[in-house]
Structures are given as structure tokens and as C-alpha cells.
Amino acid sequence: MRILLTNDDGYHARGLAVLERIARTLSDDITVVAPAEEQSGKGRSLTLTEPFRVRRHGEGRYAVKGTPTDCVMFALGEVMADAKPDLILSGVNRGGNLAEDVSYSGTVSAAMEGALAGIRSIALSQRYARSGMGDAVPFDTAETWGERVLRPLLDVAMEPRTLVNINFPPIAADAVQGIKVVSQGFRDYGRVALDKRLDPRGFPYYWLAMGRMPHQAAPDTDLDAIEAGFVTVTPLHLDLTHRESMDRLRGAYAG
């Protein structure tokens, strides 16, 4: 089985090294194509208005000066053009990708690109307990549970243009309650925080922060299950059409 690894935290991220160790429990045929620098929150953005450069770090190892989506496109169109991967793994992200995070996440977006190409694609993220942890975020739970959650997914039939989003809870590996398949949740809108500062010349600039806010997670969602100590598994699909609105909108144009 050929496996492509990528992420959005960058080629040198600890989570990518964790993902490679997990992947090697499944196969020895590993290719790594990851962003040269962190690309968190870039979603499915592409580098279209300028070229991107690629640095080779050894056999089957590449750092791309671009986004996670650029990385998957480069891997499929160049590095693995003659022998496509059987599986794409993206992560392990430093921080959870739950609820509406999936539409911002470069980690999930890389898996989306793989799903579009018809390749089994899975995003993995490690939630952490408090903000400001930096490189101190522990990945032990992801590493311990990674193979356990991935291996059953290798033989599950997947519908076209679907992917799987996995999140590990911010607790010790031996405290995890198990693996739970759940739907995507949604938080109440309003957790964005703007940190306004002044530069040395007196002009304002802003840091965009995603703060925590109180919310009541709906049952059987990723938000609910991860709070209860489960590894969450959520199937996502790329068709965003809200079919229940189709007839109502057709009626609006009926003359």
C-alpha cells in the first residue's frame, strides 16, 4: 500500500513525525509532501498568482513552498504521477479540527483534495487542553490510538468524494473512552477574538485568534464526543448542495 503524508503545520512539525510513525505500522511505502512552513487556517487555498518551489529532503520527501492543497496536487501530478497513492493521511494537526473548523482547516483540505482525486483520504488532529501550549502540545494519545483508529478504515467502502475526519481528545491515552463515529457539530458563532496592537510607528495591526466560548454541544456530534473522552471519527463529503432547499428556490423562479 502506497501512502502519501501531508499536513498544514509544516514539514518539520512534530505531528508529521508522529503521523509517519503511525503510517509505518500500516506500510513501508511512504511518501512525504508537506508545506515548507505552517499553513494553518489556509483551507483549500491554491498558489495561483506565483510559482511555488519545492525542496527535496531525501528519497520520497519534499517540502513545498505552498499550501496543503498545493502539496497534494504536486504529489499527484509530479512525485507520484506514475503510481498514485492508495491512501492519503493529513496531520497529525496540532489542535483539533472539529465542527466548523473543517472548512478553515488546511489539514482537512488536503484530505479533501485527495478525495476529489478518488483516493481514500483521512485527516487526523490532536486537540490540546489549553491555549498557548506551542510545541508543548502532547501527541501521545494520537500516537497510541492512531493505528487503532486507522486500520479498520482501510477496508471500509467509501462513497465517491468523501473523506474521514479524526480527532484525538486532549487526555492521556489510557483515559480515552474508545472510538466513536459521530456527525459534524457546530458551535455558536462569535468565538473570533481580535487582538488589536500598535506597531512602532503608531499604526494598528491585528492578531486573529479563535477563542473558546461556552456552548452546548448537540448529542452525537464531534464536539460532544470529544468532550466525553472519545476519539471522534466523522465522515465528510464534498457535495455542499442543500437539497432540501432546491424545490423552494425553484419556486422562487417559477413564473
C-alpha atoms as a PDB file:
ATOM      1  CA  MET A   1       0.000   0.000   0.000  1.00  0.00           C
ATOM      2  CA  ARG A   2       1.372   3.383  -1.037  1.00  0.00           C
ATOM      3  CA  ILE A   3       0.713   6.159   1.471  1.00  0.00           C
ATOM      4  CA  LEU A   4       1.092   9.902   0.939  1.00  0.00           C
ATOM      5  CA  LEU A   5       1.597  12.016   4.061  1.00  0.00           C
ATOM      6  CA  THR A   6       0.988  15.747   4.296  1.00  0.00           C
ATOM      7  CA  ASN A   7      -0.158  18.348   6.820  1.00  0.00           C
ATOM      8  CA  ASP A   8      -0.663  22.071   7.363  1.00  0.00           C
ATOM      9  CA  ASP A   9       1.717  22.595  10.304  1.00  0.00           C
ATOM     10  CA  GLY A  10       4.755  22.295   8.050  1.00  0.00           C
ATOM     11  CA  TYR A  11       7.378  19.779   7.010  1.00  0.00           C
ATOM     12  CA  HIS A  12       9.267  19.959  10.317  1.00  0.00           C
ATOM     13  CA  ALA A  13       6.181  19.728  12.572  1.00  0.00           C
ATOM     14  CA  ARG A  14       6.193  17.166  15.379  1.00  0.00           C
ATOM     15  CA  GLY A  15       2.754  15.970  14.377  1.00  0.00           C
ATOM     16  CA  LEU A  16       4.005  14.958  10.926  1.00  0.00           C
ATOM     17  CA  ALA A  17       6.727  12.829  12.510  1.00  0.00           C
ATOM     18  CA  VAL A  18       4.034  11.213  14.679  1.00  0.00           C
ATOM     19  CA  LEU A  19       1.926  10.573  11.581  1.00  0.00           C
ATOM     20  CA  GLU A  20       4.848   8.917   9.822  1.00  0.00           C
ATOM     21  CA  ARG A  21       5.378   6.546  12.742  1.00  0.00           C
ATOM     22  CA  ILE A  22       1.675   5.685  12.667  1.00  0.00           C
ATOM     23  CA  ALA A  23       1.730   5.206   8.886  1.00  0.00           C
ATOM     24  CA  ARG A  24       4.705   2.846   9.091  1.00  0.00           C
ATOM     25  CA  THR A  25       2.583   0.448  11.146  1.00  0.00           C
ATOM     26  CA  LEU A  26       0.463   0.132   8.000  1.00  0.00           C
ATOM     27  CA  SER A  27       3.062   0.199   5.199  1.00  0.00           C
ATOM     28  CA  ASP A  28       6.726   0.800   4.401  1.00  0.00           C
ATOM     29  CA  ASP A  29       5.874   2.629   1.152  1.00  0.00           C
ATOM     30  CA  ILE A  30       5.663   6.203   2.458  1.00  0.00           C
ATOM     31  CA  THR A  31       5.985   9.489   0.578  1.00  0.00           C
ATOM     32  CA  VAL A  32       6.000  12.821   2.419  1.00  0.00           C
ATOM     33  CA  VAL A  33       4.962  16.045   0.652  1.00  0.00           C
ATOM     34  CA  ALA A  34       4.258  18.814   3.147  1.00  0.00           C
ATOM     35  CA  PRO A  35       4.326  22.617   3.264  1.00  0.00           C
ATOM     36  CA  ALA A  36       7.731  24.130   3.929  1.00  0.00           C
ATOM     37  CA  GLU A  37       6.137  26.430   6.503  1.00  0.00           C
ATOM     38  CA  GLU A  38       2.994  26.396   8.626  1.00  0.00           C
ATOM     39  CA  GLN A  39      -0.209  26.860   6.634  1.00  0.00           C
ATOM     40  CA  SER A  40      -2.831  26.598   9.379  1.00  0.00           C
ATOM     41  CA  GLY A  41      -6.213  28.068   8.506  1.00  0.00           C
ATOM     42  CA  LYS A  42      -5.480  28.296   4.790  1.00  0.00           C
ATOM     43  CA  GLY A  43      -8.372  25.980   3.919  1.00  0.00           C
ATOM     44  CA  ARG A  44      -8.369  24.825   0.290  1.00  0.00           C
ATOM     45  CA  SER A  45      -6.390  27.799  -0.981  1.00  0.00           C
ATOM     46  CA  LEU A  46      -4.137  27.387  -4.002  1.00  0.00           C
ATOM     47  CA  THR A  47      -0.994  29.220  -5.052  1.00  0.00           C
ATOM     48  CA  LEU A  48      -2.125  30.630  -8.389  1.00  0.00           C
ATOM     49  CA  THR A  49      -0.565  34.079  -8.774  1.00  0.00           C
ATOM     50  CA  GLU A  50       3.055  33.000  -8.336  1.00  0.00           C
ATOM     51  CA  PRO A  51       5.086  29.811  -8.702  1.00  0.00           C
ATOM     52  CA  PHE A  52       5.889  27.613  -5.743  1.00  0.00           C
ATOM     53  CA  ARG A  53       9.238  25.986  -5.162  1.00  0.00           C
ATOM     54  CA  VAL A  54       9.960  22.516  -3.869  1.00  0.00           C
ATOM     55  CA  ARG A  55      12.898  21.281  -1.812  1.00  0.00           C
ATOM     56  CA  ARG A  56      13.758  17.597  -1.777  1.00  0.00           C
ATOM     57  CA  HIS A  57      14.856  16.318   1.634  1.00  0.00           C
ATOM     58  CA  GLY A  58      15.706  12.783   0.577  1.00  0.00           C
ATOM     59  CA  GLU A  59      14.076   9.845  -1.150  1.00  0.00           C
ATOM     60  CA  GLY A  60      10.323  10.420  -1.195  1.00  0.00           C
ATOM     61  CA  ARG A  61      10.489  13.530   0.999  1.00  0.00           C
ATOM     62  CA  TYR A  62       9.544  17.007  -0.233  1.00  0.00           C
ATOM     63  CA  ALA A  63       8.833  20.415   1.300  1.00  0.00           C
ATOM     64  CA  VAL A  64       6.620  22.657  -0.837  1.00  0.00           C
ATOM     65  CA  LYS A  65       6.601  26.440  -0.543  1.00  0.00           C
ATOM     66  CA  GLY A  66       2.826  26.437  -0.759  1.00  0.00           C
ATOM     67  CA  THR A  67      -0.433  25.303   0.766  1.00  0.00           C
ATOM     68  CA  PRO A  68      -1.581  21.810   1.769  1.00  0.00           C
ATOM     69  CA  THR A  69      -3.703  21.647  -1.388  1.00  0.00           C
ATOM     70  CA  ASP A  70      -0.638  22.615  -3.454  1.00  0.00           C
ATOM     71  CA  CYS A  71       1.206  19.743  -1.783  1.00  0.00           C
ATOM     72  CA  VAL A  72      -1.376  17.124  -2.724  1.00  0.00           C
ATOM     73  CA  MET A  73      -1.616  18.445  -6.278  1.00  0.00           C
ATOM     74  CA  PHE A  74       2.165  18.386  -6.611  1.00  0.00           C
ATOM     75  CA  ALA A  75       2.367  14.876  -5.197  1.00  0.00           C
ATOM     76  CA  LEU A  76      -0.305  13.502  -7.529  1.00  0.00           C
ATOM     77  CA  GLY A  77       0.826  15.437 -10.585  1.00  0.00           C
ATOM     78  CA  GLU A  78       4.596  15.052 -10.240  1.00  0.00           C
ATOM     79  CA  VAL A  79       6.082  12.908  -7.470  1.00  0.00           C
ATOM     80  CA  MET A  80       3.517  10.081  -7.650  1.00  0.00           C
ATOM     81  CA  ALA A  81       2.161  10.699 -11.134  1.00  0.00           C
ATOM     82  CA  ASP A  82       3.083   7.201 -12.358  1.00  0.00           C
ATOM     83  CA  ALA A  83       1.880   5.354  -9.258  1.00  0.00           C
ATOM     84  CA  LYS A  84      -0.838   7.143  -7.300  1.00  0.00           C
ATOM     85  CA  PRO A  85      -1.126   6.564  -3.543  1.00  0.00           C
ATOM     86  CA  ASP A  86      -3.697   4.157  -2.172  1.00  0.00           C
ATOM     87  CA  LEU A  87      -4.134   6.302   0.927  1.00  0.00           C
ATOM     88  CA  ILE A  88      -3.586   9.944   1.854  1.00  0.00           C
ATOM     89  CA  LEU A  89      -3.094  10.848   5.513  1.00  0.00           C
ATOM     90  CA  SER A  90      -3.039  14.503   6.588  1.00  0.00           C
ATOM     91  CA  GLY A  91      -1.850  15.572  10.047  1.00  0.00           C
ATOM     92  CA  VAL A  92      -1.411  14.941  12.834  1.00  0.00           C
ATOM     93  CA  ASN A  93      -2.539  18.527  13.283  1.00  0.00           C
ATOM     94  CA  ARG A  94      -1.517  20.480  16.376  1.00  0.00           C
ATOM     95  CA  GLY A  95      -5.020  21.330  17.597  1.00  0.00           C
ATOM     96  CA  GLY A  96      -8.456  19.911  16.932  1.00  0.00           C
ATOM     97  CA  ASN A  97     -10.374  20.234  13.686  1.00  0.00           C
ATOM     98  CA  LEU A  98     -13.924  19.905  14.931  1.00  0.00           C
ATOM     99  CA  ALA A  99     -17.288  21.320  13.874  1.00  0.00           C
ATOM    100  CA  GLU A 100     -16.939  24.337  11.552  1.00  0.00           C
ATOM    101  CA  ASP A 101     -13.130  24.109  11.818  1.00  0.00           C
ATOM    102  CA  VAL A 102     -13.208  21.698   8.892  1.00  0.00           C
ATOM    103  CA  SER A 103     -13.940  24.500   6.425  1.00  0.00           C
ATOM    104  CA  TYR A 104     -10.923  26.524   7.597  1.00  0.00           C
ATOM    105  CA  SER A 105      -8.511  23.669   8.117  1.00  0.00           C
ATOM    106  CA  GLY A 106      -5.585  23.069   5.798  1.00  0.00           C
ATOM    107  CA  THR A 107      -5.291  19.603   7.309  1.00  0.00           C
ATOM    108  CA  VAL A 108      -8.826  18.655   6.296  1.00  0.00           C
ATOM    109  CA  SER A 109      -8.468  20.452   2.964  1.00  0.00           C
ATOM    110  CA  ALA A 110      -5.523  18.292   1.959  1.00  0.00           C
ATOM    111  CA  ALA A 111      -7.708  15.241   2.556  1.00  0.00           C
ATOM    112  CA  MET A 112     -10.475  16.896   0.543  1.00  0.00           C
ATOM    113  CA  GLU A 113      -8.138  17.220  -2.425  1.00  0.00           C
ATOM    114  CA  GLY A 114      -7.301  13.551  -2.154  1.00  0.00           C
ATOM    115  CA  ALA A 115     -10.990  12.661  -2.013  1.00  0.00           C
ATOM    116  CA  LEU A 116     -11.606  14.683  -5.175  1.00  0.00           C
ATOM    117  CA  ALA A 117      -8.919  12.611  -6.867  1.00  0.00           C
ATOM    118  CA  GLY A 118     -10.703   9.421  -5.852  1.00  0.00           C
ATOM    119  CA  ILE A 119      -8.129   8.403  -3.229  1.00  0.00           C
ATOM    120  CA  ARG A 120      -9.026   7.214   0.278  1.00  0.00           C
ATOM    121  CA  SER A 121      -8.165  10.251   2.393  1.00  0.00           C
ATOM    122  CA  ILE A 122      -8.136  10.799   6.151  1.00  0.00           C
ATOM    123  CA  ALA A 123      -7.383  13.879   8.268  1.00  0.00           C
ATOM    124  CA  LEU A 124      -6.057  13.462  11.815  1.00  0.00           C
ATOM    125  CA  SER A 125      -5.873  16.128  14.532  1.00  0.00           C
ATOM    126  CA  GLN A 126      -4.787  16.208  18.172  1.00  0.00           C
ATOM    127  CA  ARG A 127      -6.803  18.592  20.298  1.00  0.00           C
ATOM    128  CA  TYR A 128      -4.937  20.244  23.173  1.00  0.00           C
ATOM    129  CA  ALA A 129      -6.143  21.228  26.611  1.00  0.00           C
ATOM    130  CA  ARG A 130      -5.303  24.919  26.804  1.00  0.00           C
ATOM    131  CA  SER A 131      -4.195  27.760  24.560  1.00  0.00           C
ATOM    132  CA  GLY A 132      -0.612  28.924  24.298  1.00  0.00           C
ATOM    133  CA  MET A 133       0.983  25.466  24.520  1.00  0.00           C
ATOM    134  CA  GLY A 134       3.121  25.935  21.416  1.00  0.00           C
ATOM    135  CA  ASP A 135       5.460  22.996  20.851  1.00  0.00           C
ATOM    136  CA  ALA A 136       4.488  21.527  24.223  1.00  0.00           C
ATOM    137  CA  VAL A 137       1.288  20.050  22.769  1.00  0.00           C
ATOM    138  CA  PRO A 138       1.396  16.303  23.603  1.00  0.00           C
ATOM    139  CA  PHE A 139       0.788  13.831  20.773  1.00  0.00           C
ATOM    140  CA  ASP A 140       0.899  10.664  22.903  1.00  0.00           C
ATOM    141  CA  THR A 141      -2.820   9.998  22.529  1.00  0.00           C
ATOM    142  CA  ALA A 142      -2.685  10.336  18.747  1.00  0.00           C
ATOM    143  CA  GLU A 143       0.341   8.070  18.554  1.00  0.00           C
ATOM    144  CA  THR A 144      -1.178   5.428  20.827  1.00  0.00           C
ATOM    145  CA  TRP A 145      -4.588   5.381  19.159  1.00  0.00           C
ATOM    146  CA  GLY A 146      -3.527   6.203  15.586  1.00  0.00           C
ATOM    147  CA  GLU A 147      -3.166   2.680  14.221  1.00  0.00           C
ATOM    148  CA  ARG A 148      -6.241   1.501  16.146  1.00  0.00           C
ATOM    149  CA  VAL A 149      -8.460   4.098  14.516  1.00  0.00           C
ATOM    150  CA  LEU A 150      -6.910   3.916  11.033  1.00  0.00           C
ATOM    151  CA  ARG A 151      -6.606   0.193  10.377  1.00  0.00           C
ATOM    152  CA  PRO A 152     -10.374  -0.562  10.364  1.00  0.00           C
ATOM    153  CA  LEU A 153     -10.873   2.258   7.840  1.00  0.00           C
ATOM    154  CA  LEU A 154      -8.611   0.658   5.241  1.00  0.00           C
ATOM    155  CA  ASP A 155     -11.228  -1.872   4.142  1.00  0.00           C
ATOM    156  CA  VAL A 156     -14.399   0.171   4.622  1.00  0.00           C
ATOM    157  CA  ALA A 157     -16.169   1.015   1.361  1.00  0.00           C
ATOM    158  CA  MET A 158     -16.124   4.775   0.841  1.00  0.00           C
ATOM    159  CA  GLU A 159     -18.563   6.723  -1.285  1.00  0.00           C
ATOM    160  CA  PRO A 160     -17.066   8.915  -4.027  1.00  0.00           C
ATOM    161  CA  ARG A 161     -15.844  12.345  -2.906  1.00  0.00           C
ATOM    162  CA  THR A 162     -15.943  11.501   0.784  1.00  0.00           C
ATOM    163  CA  LEU A 163     -13.214  11.630   3.416  1.00  0.00           C
ATOM    164  CA  VAL A 164     -12.836  10.862   7.116  1.00  0.00           C
ATOM    165  CA  ASN A 165     -12.003  13.406   9.814  1.00  0.00           C
ATOM    166  CA  ILE A 166     -10.430  12.033  13.020  1.00  0.00           C
ATOM    167  CA  ASN A 167      -9.824  13.970  16.239  1.00  0.00           C
ATOM    168  CA  PHE A 168      -7.987  12.754  19.348  1.00  0.00           C
ATOM    169  CA  PRO A 169      -9.104  14.108  22.745  1.00  0.00           C
ATOM    170  CA  PRO A 170      -6.738  16.143  24.954  1.00  0.00           C
ATOM    171  CA  ILE A 171      -6.393  13.480  27.624  1.00  0.00           C
ATOM    172  CA  ALA A 172      -3.938  10.706  28.445  1.00  0.00           C
ATOM    173  CA  ALA A 173      -4.047   7.758  26.070  1.00  0.00           C
ATOM    174  CA  ASP A 174      -5.153   5.350  28.804  1.00  0.00           C
ATOM    175  CA  ALA A 175      -8.064   7.630  29.721  1.00  0.00           C
ATOM    176  CA  VAL A 176      -9.624   7.536  26.240  1.00  0.00           C
ATOM    177  CA  GLN A 177     -13.117   6.033  26.334  1.00  0.00           C
ATOM    178  CA  GLY A 178     -12.916   4.481  22.857  1.00  0.00           C
ATOM    179  CA  ILE A 179     -13.645   5.393  19.255  1.00  0.00           C
ATOM    180  CA  LYS A 180     -16.971   6.946  18.291  1.00  0.00           C
ATOM    181  CA  VAL A 181     -18.417   7.655  14.840  1.00  0.00           C
ATOM    182  CA  VAL A 182     -20.274  10.961  15.048  1.00  0.00           C
ATOM    183  CA  SER A 183     -21.557  13.777  12.886  1.00  0.00           C
ATOM    184  CA  GLN A 184     -20.014  17.229  12.491  1.00  0.00           C
ATOM    185  CA  GLY A 185     -21.144  19.661  15.162  1.00  0.00           C
ATOM    186  CA  PHE A 186     -21.428  23.434  15.123  1.00  0.00           C
ATOM    187  CA  ARG A 187     -20.512  25.989  17.753  1.00  0.00           C
ATOM    188  CA  ASP A 188     -22.382  29.201  18.393  1.00  0.00           C
ATOM    189  CA  TYR A 189     -20.924  31.912  16.188  1.00  0.00           C
ATOM    190  CA  GLY A 190     -18.811  34.511  17.916  1.00  0.00           C
ATOM    191  CA  ARG A 191     -15.631  32.866  19.179  1.00  0.00           C
ATOM    192  CA  VAL A 192     -13.393  35.030  16.982  1.00  0.00           C
ATOM    193  CA  ALA A 193     -11.217  37.378  19.023  1.00  0.00           C
ATOM    194  CA  LEU A 194      -9.287  40.303  17.570  1.00  0.00           C
ATOM    195  CA  ASP A 195      -6.119  41.296  19.423  1.00  0.00           C
ATOM    196  CA  LYS A 196      -5.504  44.901  18.387  1.00  0.00           C
ATOM    197  CA  ARG A 197      -1.972  46.278  18.754  1.00  0.00           C
ATOM    198  CA  LEU A 198       0.096  49.213  17.561  1.00  0.00           C
ATOM    199  CA  ASP A 199       3.262  48.955  15.509  1.00  0.00           C
ATOM    200  CA  PRO A 200       6.329  51.105  16.361  1.00  0.00           C
ATOM    201  CA  ARG A 201       5.033  53.889  14.083  1.00  0.00           C
ATOM    202  CA  GLY A 202       1.665  54.027  15.810  1.00  0.00           C
ATOM    203  CA  PHE A 203      -0.423  52.213  13.187  1.00  0.00           C
ATOM    204  CA  PRO A 204      -2.829  49.460  14.310  1.00  0.00           C
ATOM    205  CA  TYR A 205      -2.490  45.814  13.376  1.00  0.00           C
ATOM    206  CA  TYR A 206      -4.425  42.757  14.443  1.00  0.00           C
ATOM    207  CA  TRP A 207      -3.846  39.159  15.517  1.00  0.00           C
ATOM    208  CA  LEU A 208      -6.819  36.961  14.696  1.00  0.00           C
ATOM    209  CA  ALA A 209      -7.493  34.456  17.477  1.00  0.00           C
ATOM    210  CA  MET A 210     -10.032  31.647  17.751  1.00  0.00           C
ATOM    211  CA  GLY A 211     -11.032  31.768  21.395  1.00  0.00           C
ATOM    212  CA  ARG A 212     -13.072  29.246  23.349  1.00  0.00           C
ATOM    213  CA  MET A 213     -16.647  30.101  24.191  1.00  0.00           C
ATOM    214  CA  PRO A 214     -19.380  28.352  26.187  1.00  0.00           C
ATOM    215  CA  HIS A 215     -21.684  26.219  24.048  1.00  0.00           C
ATOM    216  CA  GLN A 216     -23.986  23.280  24.449  1.00  0.00           C
ATOM    217  CA  ALA A 217     -22.760  20.594  22.068  1.00  0.00           C
ATOM    218  CA  ALA A 218     -25.512  18.671  20.315  1.00  0.00           C
ATOM    219  CA  PRO A 219     -25.502  14.951  21.177  1.00  0.00           C
ATOM    220  CA  ASP A 220     -23.714  12.505  18.891  1.00  0.00           C
ATOM    221  CA  THR A 221     -21.524  15.200  17.350  1.00  0.00           C
ATOM    222  CA  ASP A 222     -17.753  15.530  17.291  1.00  0.00           C
ATOM    223  CA  LEU A 223     -17.907  18.331  19.885  1.00  0.00           C
ATOM    224  CA  ASP A 224     -19.972  16.227  22.259  1.00  0.00           C
ATOM    225  CA  ALA A 225     -17.954  13.025  21.864  1.00  0.00           C
ATOM    226  CA  ILE A 226     -14.514  14.565  22.257  1.00  0.00           C
ATOM    227  CA  GLU A 227     -15.606  16.271  25.494  1.00  0.00           C
ATOM    228  CA  ALA A 228     -16.631  12.818  26.719  1.00  0.00           C
ATOM    229  CA  GLY A 229     -13.128  11.488  26.021  1.00  0.00           C
ATOM    230  CA  PHE A 230     -13.662   9.655  22.736  1.00  0.00           C
ATOM    231  CA  VAL A 231     -11.562   9.594  19.593  1.00  0.00           C
ATOM    232  CA  THR A 232     -14.014  11.003  17.051  1.00  0.00           C
ATOM    233  CA  VAL A 233     -14.469   9.702  13.507  1.00  0.00           C
ATOM    234  CA  THR A 234     -16.595  11.840  11.192  1.00  0.00           C
ATOM    235  CA  PRO A 235     -17.321  11.099   7.530  1.00  0.00           C
ATOM    236  CA  LEU A 236     -17.426  14.259   5.403  1.00  0.00           C
ATOM    237  CA  HIS A 237     -18.434  14.769   1.800  1.00  0.00           C
ATOM    238  CA  LEU A 238     -17.628  17.470  -0.709  1.00  0.00           C
ATOM    239  CA  ASP A 239     -21.122  17.986  -2.113  1.00  0.00           C
ATOM    240  CA  LEU A 240     -22.287  21.129  -0.269  1.00  0.00           C
ATOM    241  CA  THR A 241     -25.662  21.261  -2.004  1.00  0.00           C
ATOM    242  CA  HIS A 242     -28.538  21.704   0.451  1.00  0.00           C
ATOM    243  CA  ARG A 243     -31.021  19.539  -1.394  1.00  0.00           C
ATOM    244  CA  GLU A 244     -33.959  20.337   0.891  1.00  0.00           C
ATOM    245  CA  SER A 245     -33.839  23.925  -0.422  1.00  0.00           C
ATOM    246  CA  MET A 246     -33.879  23.007  -4.110  1.00  0.00           C
ATOM    247  CA  ASP A 247     -37.658  22.986  -4.627  1.00  0.00           C
ATOM    248  CA  ARG A 248     -38.148  26.174  -2.606  1.00  0.00           C
ATOM    249  CA  LEU A 249     -35.593  28.008  -4.727  1.00  0.00           C
ATOM    250  CA  ARG A 250     -37.062  26.636  -7.958  1.00  0.00           C
ATOM    251  CA  GLY A 251     -40.406  28.002  -6.805  1.00  0.00           C
ATOM    252  CA  ALA A 252     -38.870  31.437  -6.355  1.00  0.00           C
ATOM    253  CA  TYR A 253     -38.026  31.496 -10.072  1.00  0.00           C
ATOM    254  CA  ALA A 254     -41.248  29.945 -11.334  1.00  0.00           C
ATOM    255  CA  GLY A 255     -43.057  32.476 -13.469  1.00  0.00           C
END
